[in-house]
Amino acid sequence: MIRGALDQVRTWLGADDGGHPRITVGDDGRWRLADGVRCDWDFFVAYAHRSAQPESDAESDLTTALRLVTGPLWANLPKGHYRWLASSRIRTTTATAVVDVAHRLASLTLGHGDTVIAIAACRTGLRAAPTAEVLWRDLLRTVAARRDRKALEAVINEMYQMIAPRRTGLKVQAETDALVHELLPGFRRR
């Protein structure tokens, strides 16, 4: 079964420009991807890294990195597959990286008044890590900058619903509660 799946992957990946297969079996029996094979994660990391360089167009690089995030991380995996994820830090590592990039882009763009990109950055990050309070706080600040009380109330209610203790076992951080009360004095949770 595994051999058949790997043979399908080998066919799908094909050969590079030099005619060398992009996936091979080593002398030790291990399957290896050729150095030229890249995945979205490789590109995400490259753009995130480049965004921190002095000569970078940080907004463009961060935006490009986030465009590679299309939904929840590690979702819709076939049942019974990828059991190794449970003992790996990869879920946390990828979520943390996406949250960091989204937070940096939201902060950068909100800093020069671009609430559209800031909101998009927050929403993309929250699709990947729905309980990331740093992104919820960024989103709250961004929506508040638009001075739309109803939209702000809706986002606050959405946030509390997502981070509800009965749903996630998490408690909203004091910093987040304080921001809610700063942005919307007298707000009461539904």
N, C-alpha and C. Protein backbone atom coordinates (compact mmCIF):
# COMPACT_ATOMS: atom_id res chain seq x y z
N MET A 1 0.81 -1.18 0.00
CA MET A 1 0.00 0.00 0.00
C MET A 1 0.87 1.26 0.00
N ILE A 2 1.85 1.32 0.91
CA ILE A 2 2.73 2.49 0.97
C ILE A 2 3.56 2.57 -0.30
N ARG A 3 4.08 1.44 -0.72
CA ARG A 3 4.90 1.40 -1.94
C ARG A 3 4.10 1.92 -3.13
N GLY A 4 2.85 1.50 -3.24
CA GLY A 4 1.99 1.95 -4.34
C GLY A 4 1.76 3.46 -4.29
N ALA A 5 1.53 3.98 -3.08
CA ALA A 5 1.32 5.42 -2.93
C ALA A 5 2.57 6.19 -3.31
N LEU A 6 3.73 5.70 -2.89
CA LEU A 6 4.98 6.38 -3.23
C LEU A 6 5.27 6.30 -4.73
N ASP A 7 4.92 5.19 -5.35
CA ASP A 7 5.08 5.09 -6.80
C ASP A 7 4.18 6.10 -7.51
N GLN A 8 2.98 6.31 -6.98
CA GLN A 8 2.10 7.33 -7.56
C GLN A 8 2.70 8.72 -7.41
N VAL A 9 3.28 8.98 -6.25
CA VAL A 9 3.93 10.28 -6.02
C VAL A 9 5.10 10.44 -6.98
N ARG A 10 5.86 9.40 -7.19
CA ARG A 10 7.01 9.46 -8.11
C ARG A 10 6.53 9.81 -9.52
N THR A 11 5.47 9.18 -9.96
CA THR A 11 4.90 9.48 -11.28
C THR A 11 4.41 10.91 -11.33
N TRP A 12 3.71 11.33 -10.29
CA TRP A 12 3.15 12.68 -10.24
C TRP A 12 4.26 13.74 -10.26
N LEU A 13 5.33 13.54 -9.50
CA LEU A 13 6.42 14.51 -9.46
C LEU A 13 7.27 14.50 -10.74
N GLY A 14 7.34 13.34 -11.37
CA GLY A 14 8.07 13.25 -12.63
C GLY A 14 9.57 13.46 -12.46
N ALA A 15 10.18 13.97 -13.52
CA ALA A 15 11.63 14.17 -13.54
C ALA A 15 11.95 15.66 -13.67
N ASP A 16 13.16 16.02 -13.23
CA ASP A 16 13.59 17.41 -13.38
C ASP A 16 14.08 17.66 -14.80
N ASP A 17 14.57 18.87 -15.08
CA ASP A 17 15.01 19.22 -16.44
C ASP A 17 16.14 18.33 -16.94
N GLY A 18 16.91 17.76 -16.01
CA GLY A 18 18.01 16.87 -16.39
C GLY A 18 17.58 15.42 -16.54
N GLY A 19 16.28 15.15 -16.37
CA GLY A 19 15.78 13.79 -16.51
C GLY A 19 15.90 12.95 -15.25
N HIS A 20 16.33 13.54 -14.15
CA HIS A 20 16.48 12.80 -12.89
C HIS A 20 15.14 12.80 -12.15
N PRO A 21 14.75 11.65 -11.60
CA PRO A 21 13.48 11.60 -10.88
C PRO A 21 13.51 12.53 -9.66
N ARG A 22 12.36 13.14 -9.38
CA ARG A 22 12.28 14.07 -8.25
C ARG A 22 12.11 13.34 -6.91
N ILE A 23 11.83 12.05 -6.96
CA ILE A 23 11.79 11.25 -5.75
C ILE A 23 12.50 9.94 -6.05
N THR A 24 13.38 9.56 -5.14
CA THR A 24 14.19 8.35 -5.36
C THR A 24 14.24 7.52 -4.08
N VAL A 25 14.69 6.27 -4.26
CA VAL A 25 14.91 5.39 -3.12
C VAL A 25 16.41 5.26 -2.95
N GLY A 26 16.89 5.57 -1.74
CA GLY A 26 18.32 5.48 -1.46
C GLY A 26 18.74 4.05 -1.19
N ASP A 27 20.05 3.84 -1.06
CA ASP A 27 20.60 2.51 -0.76
C ASP A 27 20.07 1.97 0.57
N ASP A 28 19.69 2.89 1.45
CA ASP A 28 19.17 2.47 2.76
C ASP A 28 17.68 2.17 2.73
N GLY A 29 17.06 2.28 1.55
CA GLY A 29 15.64 1.99 1.41
C GLY A 29 14.72 3.18 1.70
N ARG A 30 15.30 4.30 2.05
CA ARG A 30 14.50 5.49 2.34
C ARG A 30 14.21 6.27 1.07
N TRP A 31 13.00 6.78 1.01
CA TRP A 31 12.59 7.61 -0.12
C TRP A 31 13.04 9.04 0.16
N ARG A 32 13.56 9.70 -0.88
CA ARG A 32 14.05 11.07 -0.72
C ARG A 32 13.55 11.94 -1.87
N LEU A 33 13.20 13.17 -1.50
CA LEU A 33 12.85 14.17 -2.50
C LEU A 33 14.12 14.83 -3.00
N ALA A 34 14.16 15.13 -4.27
CA ALA A 34 15.30 15.85 -4.84
C ALA A 34 15.37 17.26 -4.24
N ASP A 35 16.55 17.83 -4.21
CA ASP A 35 16.73 19.15 -3.62
C ASP A 35 15.85 20.21 -4.27
N GLY A 36 15.52 20.06 -5.53
CA GLY A 36 14.73 21.07 -6.24
C GLY A 36 13.24 21.02 -5.95
N VAL A 37 12.79 20.03 -5.21
CA VAL A 37 11.36 19.91 -4.91
C VAL A 37 11.03 20.84 -3.75
N ARG A 38 10.09 21.70 -3.98
CA ARG A 38 9.68 22.66 -2.95
C ARG A 38 8.17 22.54 -2.72
N CYS A 39 7.77 22.89 -1.51
CA CYS A 39 6.35 22.90 -1.20
C CYS A 39 5.98 24.30 -0.73
N ASP A 40 4.70 24.54 -0.52
CA ASP A 40 4.25 25.85 -0.08
C ASP A 40 4.94 26.29 1.20
N TRP A 41 5.18 25.34 2.10
CA TRP A 41 5.84 25.69 3.35
C TRP A 41 7.23 26.28 3.10
N ASP A 42 7.97 25.69 2.17
CA ASP A 42 9.30 26.23 1.84
C ASP A 42 9.20 27.68 1.38
N PHE A 43 8.22 27.96 0.52
CA PHE A 43 8.04 29.32 0.03
C PHE A 43 7.57 30.26 1.14
N PHE A 44 6.66 29.77 1.97
CA PHE A 44 6.18 30.58 3.10
C PHE A 44 7.36 31.01 3.97
N VAL A 45 8.20 30.06 4.35
CA VAL A 45 9.36 30.36 5.20
C VAL A 45 10.31 31.32 4.50
N ALA A 46 10.54 31.12 3.21
CA ALA A 46 11.45 32.00 2.47
C ALA A 46 10.94 33.44 2.44
N TYR A 47 9.65 33.62 2.15
CA TYR A 47 9.10 34.98 2.12
C TYR A 47 9.09 35.60 3.52
N ALA A 48 8.75 34.81 4.52
CA ALA A 48 8.75 35.33 5.90
C ALA A 48 10.15 35.77 6.29
N HIS A 49 11.14 34.97 5.96
CA HIS A 49 12.54 35.31 6.28
C HIS A 49 12.96 36.56 5.51
N ARG A 50 12.66 36.60 4.23
CA ARG A 50 13.07 37.75 3.41
C ARG A 50 12.41 39.04 3.90
N SER A 51 11.20 38.94 4.43
CA SER A 51 10.49 40.15 4.89
C SER A 51 11.23 40.85 6.03
N ALA A 52 12.06 40.11 6.74
CA ALA A 52 12.79 40.68 7.87
C ALA A 52 14.12 41.32 7.45
N GLN A 53 14.49 41.17 6.18
CA GLN A 53 15.76 41.74 5.72
C GLN A 53 15.59 43.23 5.46
N PRO A 54 16.62 44.03 5.72
CA PRO A 54 16.51 45.49 5.56
C PRO A 54 16.10 45.94 4.16
N GLU A 55 16.56 45.24 3.14
CA GLU A 55 16.28 45.67 1.76
C GLU A 55 14.94 45.14 1.24
N SER A 56 14.22 44.44 2.09
CA SER A 56 12.97 43.81 1.68
C SER A 56 11.81 44.80 1.60
N ASP A 57 10.86 44.50 0.71
CA ASP A 57 9.55 45.15 0.75
C ASP A 57 8.73 44.26 1.67
N ALA A 58 8.81 44.53 2.97
CA ALA A 58 8.22 43.66 3.98
C ALA A 58 6.74 43.40 3.74
N GLU A 59 6.00 44.44 3.40
CA GLU A 59 4.56 44.26 3.20
C GLU A 59 4.29 43.28 2.06
N SER A 60 5.01 43.42 0.98
CA SER A 60 4.82 42.53 -0.16
C SER A 60 5.21 41.09 0.18
N ASP A 61 6.34 40.93 0.85
CA ASP A 61 6.79 39.58 1.20
C ASP A 61 5.85 38.90 2.20
N LEU A 62 5.40 39.66 3.19
CA LEU A 62 4.47 39.08 4.17
C LEU A 62 3.13 38.74 3.52
N THR A 63 2.67 39.60 2.63
CA THR A 63 1.42 39.33 1.91
C THR A 63 1.56 38.07 1.06
N THR A 64 2.68 37.95 0.36
CA THR A 64 2.91 36.77 -0.48
C THR A 64 2.96 35.51 0.37
N ALA A 65 3.61 35.58 1.52
CA ALA A 65 3.66 34.42 2.42
C ALA A 65 2.25 34.02 2.85
N LEU A 66 1.45 35.00 3.23
CA LEU A 66 0.09 34.68 3.71
C LEU A 66 -0.82 34.18 2.61
N ARG A 67 -0.55 34.54 1.38
CA ARG A 67 -1.37 34.01 0.27
C ARG A 67 -1.23 32.50 0.14
N LEU A 68 -0.18 31.95 0.70
CA LEU A 68 0.03 30.50 0.67
C LEU A 68 -0.78 29.77 1.73
N VAL A 69 -1.37 30.53 2.65
CA VAL A 69 -2.19 29.94 3.72
C VAL A 69 -3.64 30.00 3.25
N THR A 70 -4.20 28.85 2.98
CA THR A 70 -5.53 28.82 2.38
C THR A 70 -6.62 28.33 3.32
N GLY A 71 -6.27 27.94 4.52
CA GLY A 71 -7.27 27.47 5.45
C GLY A 71 -6.65 26.94 6.71
N PRO A 72 -7.41 26.19 7.46
CA PRO A 72 -6.87 25.62 8.71
C PRO A 72 -5.67 24.72 8.42
N LEU A 73 -4.67 24.83 9.27
CA LEU A 73 -3.48 23.99 9.10
C LEU A 73 -3.78 22.57 9.59
N TRP A 74 -3.31 21.60 8.87
CA TRP A 74 -3.40 20.19 9.24
C TRP A 74 -4.85 19.73 9.38
N ALA A 75 -5.73 20.31 8.59
CA ALA A 75 -7.14 19.91 8.62
C ALA A 75 -7.42 18.97 7.45
N ASN A 76 -8.51 18.28 7.55
CA ASN A 76 -8.99 17.40 6.48
C ASN A 76 -7.98 16.31 6.10
N LEU A 77 -7.23 15.85 7.08
CA LEU A 77 -6.29 14.76 6.83
C LEU A 77 -7.07 13.45 6.81
N PRO A 78 -6.65 12.51 5.97
CA PRO A 78 -7.35 11.22 5.93
C PRO A 78 -7.31 10.54 7.31
N LYS A 79 -8.43 9.97 7.68
CA LYS A 79 -8.54 9.31 8.98
C LYS A 79 -7.51 8.17 9.07
N GLY A 80 -6.81 8.15 10.20
CA GLY A 80 -5.84 7.08 10.42
C GLY A 80 -4.47 7.35 9.83
N HIS A 81 -4.31 8.45 9.10
CA HIS A 81 -3.01 8.77 8.51
C HIS A 81 -2.35 9.88 9.32
N TYR A 82 -1.08 10.04 9.15
CA TYR A 82 -0.31 11.12 9.77
C TYR A 82 -0.36 11.06 11.30
N ARG A 83 -0.33 9.85 11.83
CA ARG A 83 -0.34 9.71 13.29
C ARG A 83 0.91 10.33 13.91
N TRP A 84 1.97 10.41 13.15
CA TRP A 84 3.22 10.98 13.65
C TRP A 84 3.06 12.44 14.05
N LEU A 85 2.02 13.12 13.54
CA LEU A 85 1.81 14.52 13.90
C LEU A 85 1.58 14.70 15.40
N ALA A 86 0.98 13.70 16.03
CA ALA A 86 0.67 13.80 17.46
C ALA A 86 1.94 13.94 18.29
N SER A 87 3.03 13.36 17.85
CA SER A 87 4.28 13.43 18.62
C SER A 87 5.27 14.42 18.02
N SER A 88 4.81 15.19 17.07
CA SER A 88 5.69 16.15 16.40
C SER A 88 5.34 17.58 16.82
N ARG A 89 6.31 18.47 16.72
CA ARG A 89 6.06 19.88 17.01
C ARG A 89 5.65 20.64 15.76
N ILE A 90 5.49 19.95 14.66
CA ILE A 90 5.23 20.64 13.39
C ILE A 90 3.92 21.43 13.41
N ARG A 91 2.89 20.92 14.05
CA ARG A 91 1.62 21.65 14.13
C ARG A 91 1.83 23.00 14.82
N THR A 92 2.50 22.97 15.95
CA THR A 92 2.76 24.20 16.70
C THR A 92 3.69 25.12 15.94
N THR A 93 4.71 24.57 15.33
CA THR A 93 5.69 25.38 14.60
C THR A 93 5.03 26.10 13.43
N THR A 94 4.22 25.39 12.66
CA THR A 94 3.59 26.03 11.50
C THR A 94 2.56 27.06 11.94
N ALA A 95 1.77 26.74 12.94
CA ALA A 95 0.76 27.71 13.42
C ALA A 95 1.44 28.96 13.97
N THR A 96 2.50 28.79 14.73
CA THR A 96 3.22 29.93 15.30
C THR A 96 3.79 30.81 14.20
N ALA A 97 4.33 30.20 13.17
CA ALA A 97 4.91 30.97 12.06
C ALA A 97 3.82 31.75 11.32
N VAL A 98 2.69 31.13 11.06
CA VAL A 98 1.60 31.82 10.37
C VAL A 98 1.08 32.97 11.22
N VAL A 99 0.90 32.74 12.50
CA VAL A 99 0.42 33.80 13.40
C VAL A 99 1.42 34.95 13.42
N ASP A 100 2.70 34.64 13.48
CA ASP A 100 3.73 35.69 13.49
C ASP A 100 3.68 36.53 12.22
N VAL A 101 3.59 35.90 11.07
CA VAL A 101 3.55 36.63 9.80
C VAL A 101 2.28 37.48 9.72
N ALA A 102 1.15 36.91 10.10
CA ALA A 102 -0.12 37.65 10.07
C ALA A 102 -0.06 38.85 11.02
N HIS A 103 0.49 38.65 12.20
CA HIS A 103 0.62 39.73 13.18
C HIS A 103 1.53 40.84 12.66
N ARG A 104 2.65 40.46 12.09
CA ARG A 104 3.58 41.46 11.55
C ARG A 104 2.93 42.27 10.43
N LEU A 105 2.22 41.59 9.53
CA LEU A 105 1.58 42.30 8.42
C LEU A 105 0.44 43.19 8.93
N ALA A 106 -0.35 42.70 9.85
CA ALA A 106 -1.44 43.52 10.41
C ALA A 106 -0.88 44.76 11.10
N SER A 107 0.16 44.59 11.88
CA SER A 107 0.77 45.73 12.59
C SER A 107 1.35 46.74 11.61
N LEU A 108 2.04 46.23 10.62
CA LEU A 108 2.68 47.10 9.62
C LEU A 108 1.63 47.90 8.85
N THR A 109 0.61 47.24 8.36
CA THR A 109 -0.37 47.92 7.51
C THR A 109 -1.30 48.81 8.33
N LEU A 110 -1.68 48.37 9.52
CA LEU A 110 -2.50 49.24 10.36
C LEU A 110 -1.71 50.48 10.75
N GLY A 111 -0.40 50.31 10.91
CA GLY A 111 0.47 51.44 11.24
C GLY A 111 0.41 52.56 10.22
N HIS A 112 0.15 52.23 8.97
CA HIS A 112 -0.01 53.30 7.97
C HIS A 112 -1.46 53.39 7.46
N GLY A 113 -2.39 52.93 8.30
CA GLY A 113 -3.81 53.18 8.06
C GLY A 113 -4.51 52.26 7.08
N ASP A 114 -3.87 51.18 6.65
CA ASP A 114 -4.50 50.27 5.69
C ASP A 114 -5.25 49.18 6.44
N THR A 115 -6.51 49.46 6.76
CA THR A 115 -7.30 48.50 7.52
C THR A 115 -7.74 47.30 6.68
N VAL A 116 -7.81 47.45 5.38
CA VAL A 116 -8.24 46.34 4.52
C VAL A 116 -7.21 45.21 4.57
N ILE A 117 -5.95 45.54 4.37
CA ILE A 117 -4.92 44.50 4.41
C ILE A 117 -4.74 43.98 5.83
N ALA A 118 -4.83 44.86 6.82
CA ALA A 118 -4.68 44.42 8.21
C ALA A 118 -5.77 43.41 8.57
N ILE A 119 -7.00 43.67 8.17
CA ILE A 119 -8.09 42.72 8.46
C ILE A 119 -7.86 41.41 7.71
N ALA A 120 -7.46 41.50 6.46
CA ALA A 120 -7.20 40.27 5.68
C ALA A 120 -6.09 39.45 6.32
N ALA A 121 -5.05 40.11 6.81
CA ALA A 121 -3.95 39.40 7.47
C ALA A 121 -4.45 38.69 8.72
N CYS A 122 -5.23 39.39 9.52
CA CYS A 122 -5.77 38.79 10.75
C CYS A 122 -6.66 37.59 10.42
N ARG A 123 -7.55 37.77 9.47
CA ARG A 123 -8.48 36.69 9.12
C ARG A 123 -7.75 35.47 8.57
N THR A 124 -6.72 35.70 7.77
CA THR A 124 -5.94 34.57 7.24
C THR A 124 -5.26 33.83 8.39
N GLY A 125 -4.63 34.58 9.27
CA GLY A 125 -3.97 33.96 10.42
C GLY A 125 -4.96 33.21 11.31
N LEU A 126 -6.14 33.78 11.49
CA LEU A 126 -7.14 33.14 12.34
C LEU A 126 -7.74 31.89 11.70
N ARG A 127 -7.75 31.83 10.38
CA ARG A 127 -8.19 30.57 9.74
C ARG A 127 -7.20 29.46 10.07
N ALA A 128 -5.94 29.81 10.16
CA ALA A 128 -4.91 28.82 10.47
C ALA A 128 -4.84 28.51 11.96
N ALA A 129 -5.06 29.53 12.80
CA ALA A 129 -4.95 29.37 14.25
C ALA A 129 -6.09 30.15 14.91
N PRO A 130 -7.29 29.58 14.96
CA PRO A 130 -8.49 30.31 15.36
C PRO A 130 -8.49 30.89 16.78
N THR A 131 -7.64 30.41 17.64
CA THR A 131 -7.63 30.92 19.02
C THR A 131 -6.43 31.82 19.31
N ALA A 132 -5.73 32.27 18.29
CA ALA A 132 -4.54 33.12 18.47
C ALA A 132 -4.97 34.51 18.92
N GLU A 133 -4.87 34.76 20.21
CA GLU A 133 -5.38 36.02 20.74
C GLU A 133 -4.62 37.24 20.26
N VAL A 134 -3.35 37.09 19.94
CA VAL A 134 -2.62 38.24 19.40
C VAL A 134 -3.29 38.72 18.11
N LEU A 135 -3.78 37.79 17.30
CA LEU A 135 -4.47 38.17 16.06
C LEU A 135 -5.86 38.72 16.34
N TRP A 136 -6.54 38.17 17.34
CA TRP A 136 -7.84 38.74 17.71
C TRP A 136 -7.66 40.18 18.18
N ARG A 137 -6.60 40.44 18.97
CA ARG A 137 -6.36 41.81 19.43
C ARG A 137 -6.03 42.72 18.25
N ASP A 138 -5.23 42.22 17.31
CA ASP A 138 -4.94 43.02 16.10
C ASP A 138 -6.23 43.33 15.34
N LEU A 139 -7.08 42.33 15.22
CA LEU A 139 -8.34 42.51 14.50
C LEU A 139 -9.23 43.51 15.24
N LEU A 140 -9.29 43.42 16.54
CA LEU A 140 -10.09 44.37 17.32
C LEU A 140 -9.59 45.80 17.12
N ARG A 141 -8.26 45.99 17.18
CA ARG A 141 -7.70 47.33 16.98
C ARG A 141 -8.00 47.85 15.57
N THR A 142 -7.92 46.96 14.60
CA THR A 142 -8.15 47.35 13.22
C THR A 142 -9.61 47.74 12.99
N VAL A 143 -10.53 46.93 13.47
CA VAL A 143 -11.95 47.24 13.32
C VAL A 143 -12.28 48.52 14.09
N ALA A 144 -11.70 48.69 15.26
CA ALA A 144 -11.94 49.91 16.05
C ALA A 144 -11.45 51.15 15.30
N ALA A 145 -10.35 51.00 14.55
CA ALA A 145 -9.82 52.14 13.78
C ALA A 145 -10.81 52.59 12.71
N ARG A 146 -11.70 51.72 12.30
CA ARG A 146 -12.73 52.07 11.31
C ARG A 146 -13.92 52.80 11.94
N ARG A 147 -13.96 52.82 13.25
CA ARG A 147 -15.01 53.52 14.00
C ARG A 147 -16.41 53.00 13.66
N ASP A 148 -16.52 51.69 13.57
CA ASP A 148 -17.81 51.05 13.29
C ASP A 148 -18.17 50.19 14.51
N ARG A 149 -18.96 50.77 15.40
CA ARG A 149 -19.28 50.11 16.67
C ARG A 149 -19.94 48.74 16.47
N LYS A 150 -20.88 48.65 15.53
CA LYS A 150 -21.57 47.37 15.30
C LYS A 150 -20.60 46.29 14.82
N ALA A 151 -19.70 46.66 13.92
CA ALA A 151 -18.70 45.70 13.44
C ALA A 151 -17.78 45.28 14.58
N LEU A 152 -17.40 46.22 15.42
CA LEU A 152 -16.53 45.91 16.55
C LEU A 152 -17.24 44.97 17.52
N GLU A 153 -18.49 45.24 17.83
CA GLU A 153 -19.27 44.34 18.70
C GLU A 153 -19.35 42.94 18.10
N ALA A 154 -19.57 42.87 16.79
CA ALA A 154 -19.68 41.56 16.12
C ALA A 154 -18.36 40.79 16.23
N VAL A 155 -17.23 41.47 16.04
CA VAL A 155 -15.93 40.80 16.12
C VAL A 155 -15.65 40.36 17.56
N ILE A 156 -16.00 41.20 18.51
CA ILE A 156 -15.79 40.83 19.92
C ILE A 156 -16.61 39.59 20.26
N ASN A 157 -17.87 39.57 19.86
CA ASN A 157 -18.71 38.40 20.12
C ASN A 157 -18.18 37.15 19.42
N GLU A 158 -17.73 37.32 18.19
CA GLU A 158 -17.14 36.20 17.43
C GLU A 158 -15.91 35.65 18.17
N MET A 159 -15.07 36.57 18.66
CA MET A 159 -13.85 36.16 19.36
C MET A 159 -14.20 35.37 20.62
N TYR A 160 -15.11 35.91 21.44
CA TYR A 160 -15.47 35.21 22.67
C TYR A 160 -16.11 33.85 22.37
N GLN A 161 -16.85 33.78 21.29
CA GLN A 161 -17.46 32.51 20.89
C GLN A 161 -16.37 31.50 20.51
N MET A 162 -15.35 31.96 19.79
CA MET A 162 -14.28 31.07 19.34
C MET A 162 -13.41 30.59 20.50
N ILE A 163 -13.22 31.46 21.47
CA ILE A 163 -12.33 31.12 22.58
C ILE A 163 -13.14 30.76 23.83
N ALA A 164 -14.36 30.40 23.66
CA ALA A 164 -15.21 30.05 24.80
C ALA A 164 -14.60 28.88 25.57
N PRO A 165 -14.49 29.02 26.90
CA PRO A 165 -13.90 27.93 27.69
C PRO A 165 -14.57 26.58 27.50
N ARG A 166 -15.89 26.57 27.34
CA ARG A 166 -16.56 25.28 27.18
C ARG A 166 -16.26 24.66 25.83
N ARG A 167 -15.82 25.46 24.89
CA ARG A 167 -15.53 24.94 23.55
C ARG A 167 -14.07 24.51 23.42
N THR A 168 -13.16 25.32 23.96
CA THR A 168 -11.73 25.08 23.75
C THR A 168 -10.98 24.72 25.01
N GLY A 169 -11.59 24.95 26.17
CA GLY A 169 -10.88 24.75 27.42
C GLY A 169 -9.96 25.91 27.75
N LEU A 170 -9.95 26.92 26.90
CA LEU A 170 -9.09 28.09 27.12
C LEU A 170 -9.86 29.18 27.84
N LYS A 171 -9.12 30.04 28.47
CA LYS A 171 -9.70 31.22 29.09
C LYS A 171 -9.12 32.42 28.35
N VAL A 172 -9.96 33.40 28.07
CA VAL A 172 -9.49 34.60 27.37
C VAL A 172 -8.45 35.29 28.24
N GLN A 173 -7.36 35.70 27.61
CA GLN A 173 -6.27 36.36 28.33
C GLN A 173 -6.73 37.72 28.87
N ALA A 174 -6.18 38.09 30.02
CA ALA A 174 -6.53 39.37 30.65
C ALA A 174 -6.24 40.54 29.71
N GLU A 175 -5.17 40.45 28.95
CA GLU A 175 -4.80 41.51 28.00
C GLU A 175 -5.90 41.72 26.96
N THR A 176 -6.50 40.62 26.52
CA THR A 176 -7.56 40.70 25.52
C THR A 176 -8.82 41.31 26.13
N ASP A 177 -9.19 40.85 27.32
CA ASP A 177 -10.35 41.44 28.01
C ASP A 177 -10.15 42.94 28.23
N ALA A 178 -8.95 43.33 28.65
CA ALA A 178 -8.67 44.74 28.90
C ALA A 178 -8.81 45.56 27.61
N LEU A 179 -8.35 45.02 26.50
CA LEU A 179 -8.47 45.72 25.22
C LEU A 179 -9.94 45.89 24.84
N VAL A 180 -10.73 44.85 25.04
CA VAL A 180 -12.16 44.93 24.73
C VAL A 180 -12.78 46.08 25.52
N HIS A 181 -12.48 46.16 26.80
CA HIS A 181 -13.06 47.21 27.64
C HIS A 181 -12.51 48.59 27.31
N GLU A 182 -11.28 48.63 26.81
CA GLU A 182 -10.71 49.91 26.38
C GLU A 182 -11.38 50.40 25.09
N LEU A 183 -11.57 49.49 24.15
CA LEU A 183 -12.14 49.86 22.86
C LEU A 183 -13.64 50.06 22.91
N LEU A 184 -14.30 49.35 23.80
CA LEU A 184 -15.76 49.40 23.87
C LEU A 184 -16.19 49.39 25.34
N PRO A 185 -16.00 50.53 26.03
CA PRO A 185 -16.33 50.58 27.45
C PRO A 185 -17.78 50.15 27.69
N GLY A 186 -17.95 49.38 28.75
CA GLY A 186 -19.30 48.94 29.10
C GLY A 186 -19.78 47.73 28.32
N PHE A 187 -18.94 47.17 27.44
CA PHE A 187 -19.37 46.01 26.64
C PHE A 187 -19.69 44.85 27.57
N ARG A 188 -20.79 44.17 27.26
CA ARG A 188 -21.16 42.96 28.00
C ARG A 188 -21.26 41.80 27.02
N ARG A 189 -20.63 40.70 27.39
CA ARG A 189 -20.67 39.50 26.55
C ARG A 189 -22.07 38.95 26.51
N ARG A 190 -22.44 38.43 25.33
CA ARG A 190 -23.75 37.77 25.20
C ARG A 190 -23.70 36.41 25.84
